[in-house]
Amino acid sequence: MLMKVGIVGDSKRGLAWEGHLRPHSIVRQVDLVSSLSDLVNVDACLLLDESPQNLDILLEGIHRGFNCFFIAKPPTDTSKLEKIHRASKEAGVLVQLAHWPTLAPATQWMMDKVNRPGFIHIEKEVNRNQLVDIESEFRHLWIDELGLCLKWIDSGIHHIEAKQISLSEGYPVIIHLFLRFDSGASASINVYTGASENNHKRLISNKNDILECNVPTQTIKLGRINESNRLFFEKQVFDPATAAEKAALLFLKSIQLNKESAYTSYDAFRLSMHVDKVEKRLKQFS
């Protein structure tokens, strides 16, 4: 099945995404347009929109019967995301959201190796001069990691602990999240924005494997016990520059195979509900 793909949004970003689509032999035509109303008979639609109305535009695309890849910061409007999830099911269309921690090639490889981890630990240190809109960007940092834990462990949550440290004028510096899942799995997320250097690592394990991921370099060490009862590691390296191209291919393949996308509207809806729970927890103990 050769596919016609529409890209809706800013022309410069649209050209970049067209470049990500062109290498794929399943793409026969790409239409770059500024609004959904300009699209006709496309098999897939890429929505590039960071406006406050972007979820309304996504909902419109779903109502028009388009399979949509929503490329924007992870949304957290629970009410709108619930409508989007229900509408996509009713319309029989696929939705993929650009949750980059999940869509990254390294993560996709790790998810294949360790399907349902029993333990995730994430450390993210950010250079103190890197953030501009500190409150918004700080919130985005932990939400991204929370979304990955929820997607990967894929179980109900039994218990949430959340603690945030902010200095004068409400400047957030540290957040610690601990999640206990119904499956018995646990996840911890630590974000620190006062570091002199960026550092971002994820540790993931089940009973047989341990994964260590250096996120900026997309380098993975996979540890297992060998026949001599010693822990040994194999190394995998992925190119961060290929993330967008691979994410587009994941979306197109899900349409071809008529299976769930790599990060669905339900994943986004579930994340938004748990963001609400975390923020209530933070207010409770602030």
C-alpha atoms as a PDB file:
ATOM      1  CA  MET A   1       0.000   0.000   0.000  1.00  0.00           C
ATOM      2  CA  LEU A   2       1.528   3.270  -1.167  1.00  0.00           C
ATOM      3  CA  MET A   3       0.408   6.181   0.951  1.00  0.00           C
ATOM      4  CA  LYS A   4      -0.522   9.799   0.425  1.00  0.00           C
ATOM      5  CA  VAL A   5       0.484  11.878   3.436  1.00  0.00           C
ATOM      6  CA  GLY A   6      -0.624  15.383   4.345  1.00  0.00           C
ATOM      7  CA  ILE A   7       1.473  17.696   6.514  1.00  0.00           C
ATOM      8  CA  VAL A   8      -0.458  20.519   8.179  1.00  0.00           C
ATOM      9  CA  GLY A   9       1.289  23.482   9.767  1.00  0.00           C
ATOM     10  CA  ASP A  10       4.248  25.833   9.495  1.00  0.00           C
ATOM     11  CA  SER A  11       5.920  25.545   6.074  1.00  0.00           C
ATOM     12  CA  LYS A  12       9.511  25.363   7.402  1.00  0.00           C
ATOM     13  CA  ARG A  13       8.691  22.591   9.845  1.00  0.00           C
ATOM     14  CA  GLY A  14       6.598  20.942   7.157  1.00  0.00           C
ATOM     15  CA  LEU A  15       9.552  20.808   4.772  1.00  0.00           C
ATOM     16  CA  ALA A  16      11.698  19.215   7.469  1.00  0.00           C
ATOM     17  CA  TRP A  17       9.065  16.534   8.064  1.00  0.00           C
ATOM     18  CA  GLU A  18       8.675  15.986   4.346  1.00  0.00           C
ATOM     19  CA  GLY A  19      12.387  15.179   4.353  1.00  0.00           C
ATOM     20  CA  HIS A  20      11.762  12.578   7.066  1.00  0.00           C
ATOM     21  CA  LEU A  21       9.023  10.955   4.980  1.00  0.00           C
ATOM     22  CA  ARG A  22      10.736  10.894   1.583  1.00  0.00           C
ATOM     23  CA  PRO A  23      13.164   8.009   2.343  1.00  0.00           C
ATOM     24  CA  HIS A  24      10.252   5.636   2.967  1.00  0.00           C
ATOM     25  CA  SER A  25       9.204   3.665  -0.096  1.00  0.00           C
ATOM     26  CA  ILE A  26       5.621   3.374   1.167  1.00  0.00           C
ATOM     27  CA  VAL A  27       5.103   7.149   0.690  1.00  0.00           C
ATOM     28  CA  ARG A  28       3.938   8.006  -2.842  1.00  0.00           C
ATOM     29  CA  GLN A  29       2.919  11.644  -2.286  1.00  0.00           C
ATOM     30  CA  VAL A  30       3.328  14.352   0.345  1.00  0.00           C
ATOM     31  CA  ASP A  31       1.048  17.419   0.455  1.00  0.00           C
ATOM     32  CA  LEU A  32       2.164  20.428   2.524  1.00  0.00           C
ATOM     33  CA  VAL A  33      -0.777  22.614   3.549  1.00  0.00           C
ATOM     34  CA  SER A  34      -1.498  25.310   6.110  1.00  0.00           C
ATOM     35  CA  SER A  35      -4.867  24.018   7.338  1.00  0.00           C
ATOM     36  CA  LEU A  36      -6.868  20.795   7.543  1.00  0.00           C
ATOM     37  CA  SER A  37      -9.478  22.133   5.131  1.00  0.00           C
ATOM     38  CA  ASP A  38      -6.876  21.947   2.345  1.00  0.00           C
ATOM     39  CA  LEU A  39      -6.415  18.171   2.724  1.00  0.00           C
ATOM     40  CA  VAL A  40      -8.261  15.712   0.499  1.00  0.00           C
ATOM     41  CA  ASN A  41      -8.107  11.903   0.445  1.00  0.00           C
ATOM     42  CA  VAL A  42      -4.950  11.370   2.477  1.00  0.00           C
ATOM     43  CA  ASP A  43      -3.992   8.102   4.180  1.00  0.00           C
ATOM     44  CA  ALA A  44      -2.163   9.889   6.993  1.00  0.00           C
ATOM     45  CA  CYS A  45      -1.955  13.396   8.387  1.00  0.00           C
ATOM     46  CA  LEU A  46       0.927  14.979  10.316  1.00  0.00           C
ATOM     47  CA  LEU A  47      -0.260  17.880  12.477  1.00  0.00           C
ATOM     48  CA  LEU A  48       2.475  20.378  13.381  1.00  0.00           C
ATOM     49  CA  ASP A  49       0.820  22.763  15.797  1.00  0.00           C
ATOM     50  CA  GLU A  50       1.936  24.305  19.100  1.00  0.00           C
ATOM     51  CA  SER A  51      -1.018  26.717  19.332  1.00  0.00           C
ATOM     52  CA  PRO A  52      -3.425  26.664  22.297  1.00  0.00           C
ATOM     53  CA  GLN A  53      -6.086  25.281  19.913  1.00  0.00           C
ATOM     54  CA  ASN A  54      -4.012  22.349  18.687  1.00  0.00           C
ATOM     55  CA  LEU A  55      -6.118  19.672  20.406  1.00  0.00           C
ATOM     56  CA  ASP A  56      -9.259  21.130  18.812  1.00  0.00           C
ATOM     57  CA  ILE A  57      -7.555  20.864  15.423  1.00  0.00           C
ATOM     58  CA  LEU A  58      -6.580  17.260  16.148  1.00  0.00           C
ATOM     59  CA  LEU A  59     -10.205  16.497  17.035  1.00  0.00           C
ATOM     60  CA  GLU A  60     -11.318  18.092  13.767  1.00  0.00           C
ATOM     61  CA  GLY A  61      -8.874  15.898  11.847  1.00  0.00           C
ATOM     62  CA  ILE A  62     -10.254  12.799  13.568  1.00  0.00           C
ATOM     63  CA  HIS A  63     -13.832  13.816  12.734  1.00  0.00           C
ATOM     64  CA  ARG A  64     -12.762  14.168   9.098  1.00  0.00           C
ATOM     65  CA  GLY A  65     -11.536  10.578   9.169  1.00  0.00           C
ATOM     66  CA  PHE A  66      -7.790  11.234   9.051  1.00  0.00           C
ATOM     67  CA  ASN A  67      -5.192   9.033  10.743  1.00  0.00           C
ATOM     68  CA  CYS A  68      -3.268  11.705  12.664  1.00  0.00           C
ATOM     69  CA  PHE A  69       0.274  12.038  13.992  1.00  0.00           C
ATOM     70  CA  PHE A  70       0.093  14.924  16.479  1.00  0.00           C
ATOM     71  CA  ILE A  71       3.513  16.588  16.663  1.00  0.00           C
ATOM     72  CA  ALA A  72       3.554  19.015  19.579  1.00  0.00           C
ATOM     73  CA  LYS A  73       4.463  19.111  23.258  1.00  0.00           C
ATOM     74  CA  PRO A  74       2.624  16.384  25.200  1.00  0.00           C
ATOM     75  CA  PRO A  75      -0.819  17.819  26.031  1.00  0.00           C
ATOM     76  CA  THR A  76      -2.313  17.478  29.523  1.00  0.00           C
ATOM     77  CA  ASP A  77      -5.902  18.660  29.031  1.00  0.00           C
ATOM     78  CA  THR A  78      -7.654  15.568  30.367  1.00  0.00           C
ATOM     79  CA  SER A  79     -11.138  16.525  29.187  1.00  0.00           C
ATOM     80  CA  LYS A  80     -10.060  17.176  25.594  1.00  0.00           C
ATOM     81  CA  LEU A  81      -7.839  14.096  25.482  1.00  0.00           C
ATOM     82  CA  GLU A  82     -10.744  11.919  26.604  1.00  0.00           C
ATOM     83  CA  LYS A  83     -12.866  13.354  23.766  1.00  0.00           C
ATOM     84  CA  ILE A  84     -10.035  12.722  21.305  1.00  0.00           C
ATOM     85  CA  HIS A  85      -9.614   9.130  22.451  1.00  0.00           C
ATOM     86  CA  ARG A  86     -13.348   8.406  22.232  1.00  0.00           C
ATOM     87  CA  ALA A  87     -13.643  10.132  18.830  1.00  0.00           C
ATOM     88  CA  SER A  88     -10.726   8.167  17.374  1.00  0.00           C
ATOM     89  CA  LYS A  89     -12.338   4.880  18.441  1.00  0.00           C
ATOM     90  CA  GLU A  90     -15.704   5.910  17.005  1.00  0.00           C
ATOM     91  CA  ALA A  91     -14.158   7.104  13.729  1.00  0.00           C
ATOM     92  CA  GLY A  92     -11.908   4.038  13.445  1.00  0.00           C
ATOM     93  CA  VAL A  93      -8.782   6.129  12.880  1.00  0.00           C
ATOM     94  CA  LEU A  94      -5.312   5.863  14.395  1.00  0.00           C
ATOM     95  CA  VAL A  95      -3.718   8.626  16.454  1.00  0.00           C
ATOM     96  CA  GLN A  96      -0.052   8.853  17.393  1.00  0.00           C
ATOM     97  CA  LEU A  97       1.314  11.578  19.651  1.00  0.00           C
ATOM     98  CA  ALA A  98       4.910  12.779  19.600  1.00  0.00           C
ATOM     99  CA  HIS A  99       6.034  11.486  22.963  1.00  0.00           C
ATOM    100  CA  TRP A 100       9.744  11.409  22.166  1.00  0.00           C
ATOM    101  CA  PRO A 101      10.936   9.400  25.188  1.00  0.00           C
ATOM    102  CA  THR A 102       8.759   6.537  23.893  1.00  0.00           C
ATOM    103  CA  LEU A 103       9.286   7.035  20.146  1.00  0.00           C
ATOM    104  CA  ALA A 104      13.098   7.316  20.326  1.00  0.00           C
ATOM    105  CA  PRO A 105      14.763   4.404  18.462  1.00  0.00           C
ATOM    106  CA  ALA A 106      16.743   3.437  21.580  1.00  0.00           C
ATOM    107  CA  THR A 107      13.555   3.175  23.650  1.00  0.00           C
ATOM    108  CA  GLN A 108      11.776   1.149  20.990  1.00  0.00           C
ATOM    109  CA  TRP A 109      14.705  -1.286  20.987  1.00  0.00           C
ATOM    110  CA  MET A 110      14.677  -1.508  24.794  1.00  0.00           C
ATOM    111  CA  MET A 111      10.923  -2.096  24.869  1.00  0.00           C
ATOM    112  CA  ASP A 112      11.426  -5.071  22.564  1.00  0.00           C
ATOM    113  CA  LYS A 113      14.095  -6.474  24.894  1.00  0.00           C
ATOM    114  CA  VAL A 114      12.268  -5.831  28.185  1.00  0.00           C
ATOM    115  CA  ASN A 115       8.540  -5.923  27.579  1.00  0.00           C
ATOM    116  CA  ARG A 116       7.146  -5.239  31.056  1.00  0.00           C
ATOM    117  CA  PRO A 117       9.883  -4.028  33.409  1.00  0.00           C
ATOM    118  CA  GLY A 118       9.596  -4.486  37.136  1.00  0.00           C
ATOM    119  CA  PHE A 119      11.789  -1.476  37.890  1.00  0.00           C
ATOM    120  CA  ILE A 120      12.535   1.872  36.253  1.00  0.00           C
ATOM    121  CA  HIS A 121      14.787   4.548  37.716  1.00  0.00           C
ATOM    122  CA  ILE A 122      15.367   7.862  35.941  1.00  0.00           C
ATOM    123  CA  GLU A 123      17.902  10.582  36.788  1.00  0.00           C
ATOM    124  CA  LYS A 124      17.741  13.824  34.828  1.00  0.00           C
ATOM    125  CA  GLU A 125      20.089  16.706  35.649  1.00  0.00           C
ATOM    126  CA  VAL A 126      19.696  19.933  33.692  1.00  0.00           C
ATOM    127  CA  ASN A 127      22.155  22.800  33.402  1.00  0.00           C
ATOM    128  CA  ARG A 128      20.840  25.661  35.516  1.00  0.00           C
ATOM    129  CA  ASN A 129      21.300  28.160  32.647  1.00  0.00           C
ATOM    130  CA  GLN A 130      19.440  26.082  30.071  1.00  0.00           C
ATOM    131  CA  LEU A 131      15.827  26.731  31.074  1.00  0.00           C
ATOM    132  CA  VAL A 132      14.119  29.984  30.078  1.00  0.00           C
ATOM    133  CA  ASP A 133      10.461  29.570  31.075  1.00  0.00           C
ATOM    134  CA  ILE A 134      11.443  27.676  34.208  1.00  0.00           C
ATOM    135  CA  GLU A 135       8.042  26.599  35.562  1.00  0.00           C
ATOM    136  CA  SER A 136       6.636  25.410  32.221  1.00  0.00           C
ATOM    137  CA  GLU A 137       9.838  23.684  31.128  1.00  0.00           C
ATOM    138  CA  PHE A 138      10.383  22.062  34.534  1.00  0.00           C
ATOM    139  CA  ARG A 139       6.864  20.628  34.403  1.00  0.00           C
ATOM    140  CA  HIS A 140       7.492  19.275  30.916  1.00  0.00           C
ATOM    141  CA  LEU A 141      10.680  17.516  32.092  1.00  0.00           C
ATOM    142  CA  TRP A 142       8.973  15.280  34.645  1.00  0.00           C
ATOM    143  CA  ILE A 143       5.806  14.777  32.604  1.00  0.00           C
ATOM    144  CA  ASP A 144       7.874  13.343  29.744  1.00  0.00           C
ATOM    145  CA  GLU A 145       9.491  10.782  32.050  1.00  0.00           C
ATOM    146  CA  LEU A 146       6.213   9.941  33.780  1.00  0.00           C
ATOM    147  CA  GLY A 147       4.659   9.248  30.378  1.00  0.00           C
ATOM    148  CA  LEU A 148       7.424   6.783  29.564  1.00  0.00           C
ATOM    149  CA  CYS A 149       7.016   4.893  32.854  1.00  0.00           C
ATOM    150  CA  LEU A 150       3.243   4.612  32.427  1.00  0.00           C
ATOM    151  CA  LYS A 151       3.551   3.433  28.827  1.00  0.00           C
ATOM    152  CA  TRP A 152       6.295   0.902  29.466  1.00  0.00           C
ATOM    153  CA  ILE A 153       5.071  -0.697  32.710  1.00  0.00           C
ATOM    154  CA  ASP A 154       1.453  -0.511  31.475  1.00  0.00           C
ATOM    155  CA  SER A 155      -0.341  -1.248  34.732  1.00  0.00           C
ATOM    156  CA  GLY A 156      -2.642   0.530  37.107  1.00  0.00           C
ATOM    157  CA  ILE A 157      -0.961   2.637  39.793  1.00  0.00           C
ATOM    158  CA  HIS A 158      -1.369   1.557  43.407  1.00  0.00           C
ATOM    159  CA  HIS A 159       0.463   4.470  45.053  1.00  0.00           C
ATOM    160  CA  ILE A 160       2.112   7.786  44.107  1.00  0.00           C
ATOM    161  CA  GLU A 161       4.604   9.805  46.138  1.00  0.00           C
ATOM    162  CA  ALA A 162       5.611  13.246  44.892  1.00  0.00           C
ATOM    163  CA  LYS A 163       7.878  15.906  46.401  1.00  0.00           C
ATOM    164  CA  GLN A 164       9.043  19.137  44.767  1.00  0.00           C
ATOM    165  CA  ILE A 165      11.570  21.619  46.094  1.00  0.00           C
ATOM    166  CA  SER A 166      11.300  25.225  44.961  1.00  0.00           C
ATOM    167  CA  LEU A 167      13.478  28.129  46.037  1.00  0.00           C
ATOM    168  CA  SER A 168      12.354  31.737  46.520  1.00  0.00           C
ATOM    169  CA  GLU A 169      10.015  33.210  43.909  1.00  0.00           C
ATOM    170  CA  GLY A 170       8.719  29.699  43.176  1.00  0.00           C
ATOM    171  CA  TYR A 171      11.836  28.586  41.283  1.00  0.00           C
ATOM    172  CA  PRO A 172      11.535  24.755  40.953  1.00  0.00           C
ATOM    173  CA  VAL A 173      14.844  22.940  41.462  1.00  0.00           C
ATOM    174  CA  ILE A 174      14.102  19.325  42.345  1.00  0.00           C
ATOM    175  CA  ILE A 175      11.233  16.903  41.911  1.00  0.00           C
ATOM    176  CA  HIS A 176      11.092  13.304  43.071  1.00  0.00           C
ATOM    177  CA  LEU A 177       8.319  10.938  41.989  1.00  0.00           C
ATOM    178  CA  PHE A 178       7.847   7.374  43.181  1.00  0.00           C
ATOM    179  CA  LEU A 179       5.204   5.114  41.658  1.00  0.00           C
ATOM    180  CA  ARG A 180       4.084   1.692  42.856  1.00  0.00           C
ATOM    181  CA  PHE A 181       2.088  -0.197  40.221  1.00  0.00           C
ATOM    182  CA  ASP A 182      -0.626  -2.822  40.679  1.00  0.00           C
ATOM    183  CA  SER A 183       1.656  -5.322  38.928  1.00  0.00           C
ATOM    184  CA  GLY A 184       4.240  -4.920  41.719  1.00  0.00           C
ATOM    185  CA  ALA A 185       6.562  -2.860  39.503  1.00  0.00           C
ATOM    186  CA  SER A 186       7.979   0.451  40.706  1.00  0.00           C
ATOM    187  CA  ALA A 187       9.359   3.581  39.065  1.00  0.00           C
ATOM    188  CA  SER A 188      11.281   6.544  40.450  1.00  0.00           C
ATOM    189  CA  ILE A 189      11.933   9.831  38.671  1.00  0.00           C
ATOM    190  CA  ASN A 190      14.398  12.468  39.891  1.00  0.00           C
ATOM    191  CA  VAL A 191      14.806  15.788  38.088  1.00  0.00           C
ATOM    192  CA  TYR A 192      17.345  18.420  39.206  1.00  0.00           C
ATOM    193  CA  THR A 193      17.676  21.771  37.426  1.00  0.00           C
ATOM    194  CA  GLY A 194      20.642  23.210  39.316  1.00  0.00           C
ATOM    195  CA  ALA A 195      23.348  21.106  37.687  1.00  0.00           C
ATOM    196  CA  SER A 196      26.505  22.469  36.089  1.00  0.00           C
ATOM    197  CA  GLU A 197      26.247  19.856  33.312  1.00  0.00           C
ATOM    198  CA  ASN A 198      23.380  17.974  31.665  1.00  0.00           C
ATOM    199  CA  ASN A 199      23.028  14.321  32.578  1.00  0.00           C
ATOM    200  CA  HIS A 200      20.168  11.963  31.751  1.00  0.00           C
ATOM    201  CA  LYS A 201      20.145   8.223  32.471  1.00  0.00           C
ATOM    202  CA  ARG A 202      17.482   5.548  32.706  1.00  0.00           C
ATOM    203  CA  LEU A 203      17.845   2.158  34.424  1.00  0.00           C
ATOM    204  CA  ILE A 204      15.309  -0.526  33.568  1.00  0.00           C
ATOM    205  CA  SER A 205      15.167  -4.131  34.705  1.00  0.00           C
ATOM    206  CA  ASN A 206      13.141  -7.299  34.957  1.00  0.00           C
ATOM    207  CA  LYS A 207      14.175 -10.664  36.452  1.00  0.00           C
ATOM    208  CA  ASN A 208      16.526 -11.491  33.576  1.00  0.00           C
ATOM    209  CA  ASP A 209      17.896  -8.235  32.148  1.00  0.00           C
ATOM    210  CA  ILE A 210      19.085  -4.797  33.164  1.00  0.00           C
ATOM    211  CA  LEU A 211      19.218  -1.891  30.754  1.00  0.00           C
ATOM    212  CA  GLU A 212      21.228   1.289  31.231  1.00  0.00           C
ATOM    213  CA  CYS A 213      20.455   4.085  28.771  1.00  0.00           C
ATOM    214  CA  ASN A 214      22.472   7.262  28.343  1.00  0.00           C
ATOM    215  CA  VAL A 215      19.640   9.322  26.862  1.00  0.00           C
ATOM    216  CA  PRO A 216      21.515  12.212  25.148  1.00  0.00           C
ATOM    217  CA  THR A 217      23.841   9.831  23.276  1.00  0.00           C
ATOM    218  CA  GLN A 218      21.172   7.107  22.876  1.00  0.00           C
ATOM    219  CA  THR A 219      23.734   4.544  24.086  1.00  0.00           C
ATOM    220  CA  ILE A 220      22.423   1.400  25.765  1.00  0.00           C
ATOM    221  CA  LYS A 221      24.093  -1.282  27.846  1.00  0.00           C
ATOM    222  CA  LEU A 222      22.129  -4.521  28.183  1.00  0.00           C
ATOM    223  CA  GLY A 223      23.244  -6.656  31.135  1.00  0.00           C
ATOM    224  CA  ARG A 224      22.619 -10.376  31.623  1.00  0.00           C
ATOM    225  CA  ILE A 225      24.088 -13.199  33.695  1.00  0.00           C
ATOM    226  CA  ASN A 226      26.332 -15.496  31.611  1.00  0.00           C
ATOM    227  CA  GLU A 227      27.044 -19.220  32.000  1.00  0.00           C
ATOM    228  CA  SER A 228      29.807 -18.434  34.514  1.00  0.00           C
ATOM    229  CA  ASN A 229      27.248 -16.628  36.690  1.00  0.00           C
ATOM    230  CA  ARG A 230      28.821 -13.246  35.968  1.00  0.00           C
ATOM    231  CA  LEU A 231      27.105 -10.095  34.816  1.00  0.00           C
ATOM    232  CA  PHE A 232      28.144  -9.100  31.318  1.00  0.00           C
ATOM    233  CA  PHE A 233      26.995  -6.247  29.088  1.00  0.00           C
ATOM    234  CA  GLU A 234      26.433  -5.786  25.387  1.00  0.00           C
ATOM    235  CA  LYS A 235      26.308  -2.298  23.903  1.00  0.00           C
ATOM    236  CA  GLN A 236      23.958  -0.702  21.382  1.00  0.00           C
ATOM    237  CA  VAL A 237      24.181   2.817  19.975  1.00  0.00           C
ATOM    238  CA  PHE A 238      21.410   4.649  18.121  1.00  0.00           C
ATOM    239  CA  ASP A 239      21.551   7.921  16.197  1.00  0.00           C
ATOM    240  CA  PRO A 240      19.377  10.587  17.898  1.00  0.00           C
ATOM    241  CA  ALA A 241      19.091  12.391  14.548  1.00  0.00           C
ATOM    242  CA  THR A 242      16.950   9.562  13.139  1.00  0.00           C
ATOM    243  CA  ALA A 243      14.220   9.848  15.800  1.00  0.00           C
ATOM    244  CA  ALA A 244      11.758  11.859  13.684  1.00  0.00           C
ATOM    245  CA  GLU A 245      12.198   9.691  10.595  1.00  0.00           C
ATOM    246  CA  LYS A 246      11.754   6.483  12.615  1.00  0.00           C
ATOM    247  CA  ALA A 247       8.700   7.910  14.416  1.00  0.00           C
ATOM    248  CA  ALA A 248       7.053   8.754  11.087  1.00  0.00           C
ATOM    249  CA  LEU A 249       7.723   5.222   9.862  1.00  0.00           C
ATOM    250  CA  LEU A 250       6.245   3.723  13.054  1.00  0.00           C
ATOM    251  CA  PHE A 251       3.072   5.729  12.411  1.00  0.00           C
ATOM    252  CA  LEU A 252       2.784   4.747   8.749  1.00  0.00           C
ATOM    253  CA  LYS A 253       3.437   1.083   9.549  1.00  0.00           C
ATOM    254  CA  SER A 254       0.709   1.098  12.205  1.00  0.00           C
ATOM    255  CA  ILE A 255      -1.728   2.370   9.554  1.00  0.00           C
ATOM    256  CA  GLN A 256      -0.611  -0.265   7.066  1.00  0.00           C
ATOM    257  CA  LEU A 257      -0.953  -3.058   9.612  1.00  0.00           C
ATOM    258  CA  ASN A 258      -4.053  -1.546  11.257  1.00  0.00           C
ATOM    259  CA  LYS A 259      -2.576  -1.862  14.732  1.00  0.00           C
ATOM    260  CA  GLU A 260      -2.166   0.552  17.638  1.00  0.00           C
ATOM    261  CA  SER A 261       0.303   3.372  17.160  1.00  0.00           C
ATOM    262  CA  ALA A 262       3.506   3.561  19.223  1.00  0.00           C
ATOM    263  CA  TYR A 263       2.018   6.244  21.524  1.00  0.00           C
ATOM    264  CA  THR A 264      -1.767   6.350  21.376  1.00  0.00           C
ATOM    265  CA  SER A 265      -4.504   8.780  22.353  1.00  0.00           C
ATOM    266  CA  TYR A 266      -5.198   6.492  25.321  1.00  0.00           C
ATOM    267  CA  ASP A 267      -1.559   6.752  26.435  1.00  0.00           C
ATOM    268  CA  ALA A 268      -1.875  10.550  26.355  1.00  0.00           C
ATOM    269  CA  PHE A 269      -5.226  10.491  28.175  1.00  0.00           C
ATOM    270  CA  ARG A 270      -3.841   8.175  30.881  1.00  0.00           C
ATOM    271  CA  LEU A 271      -0.779  10.390  31.323  1.00  0.00           C
ATOM    272  CA  SER A 272      -2.918  13.515  31.736  1.00  0.00           C
ATOM    273  CA  MET A 273      -4.987  11.830  34.469  1.00  0.00           C
ATOM    274  CA  HIS A 274      -1.845  10.893  36.393  1.00  0.00           C
ATOM    275  CA  VAL A 275      -0.332  14.352  35.924  1.00  0.00           C
ATOM    276  CA  ASP A 276      -3.458  15.651  37.678  1.00  0.00           C
ATOM    277  CA  LYS A 277      -2.896  13.167  40.529  1.00  0.00           C
ATOM    278  CA  VAL A 278       0.769  14.124  40.884  1.00  0.00           C
ATOM    279  CA  GLU A 279      -0.022  17.836  40.948  1.00  0.00           C
ATOM    280  CA  LYS A 280      -2.701  17.307  43.606  1.00  0.00           C
ATOM    281  CA  ARG A 281      -0.124  15.399  45.623  1.00  0.00           C
ATOM    282  CA  LEU A 282       2.390  18.217  45.241  1.00  0.00           C
ATOM    283  CA  LYS A 283      -0.154  20.820  46.418  1.00  0.00           C
ATOM    284  CA  GLN A 284      -1.052  18.623  49.376  1.00  0.00           C
ATOM    285  CA  PHE A 285       2.512  18.602  50.672  1.00  0.00           C
ATOM    286  CA  SER A 286       3.793  21.982  49.458  1.00  0.00           C
END
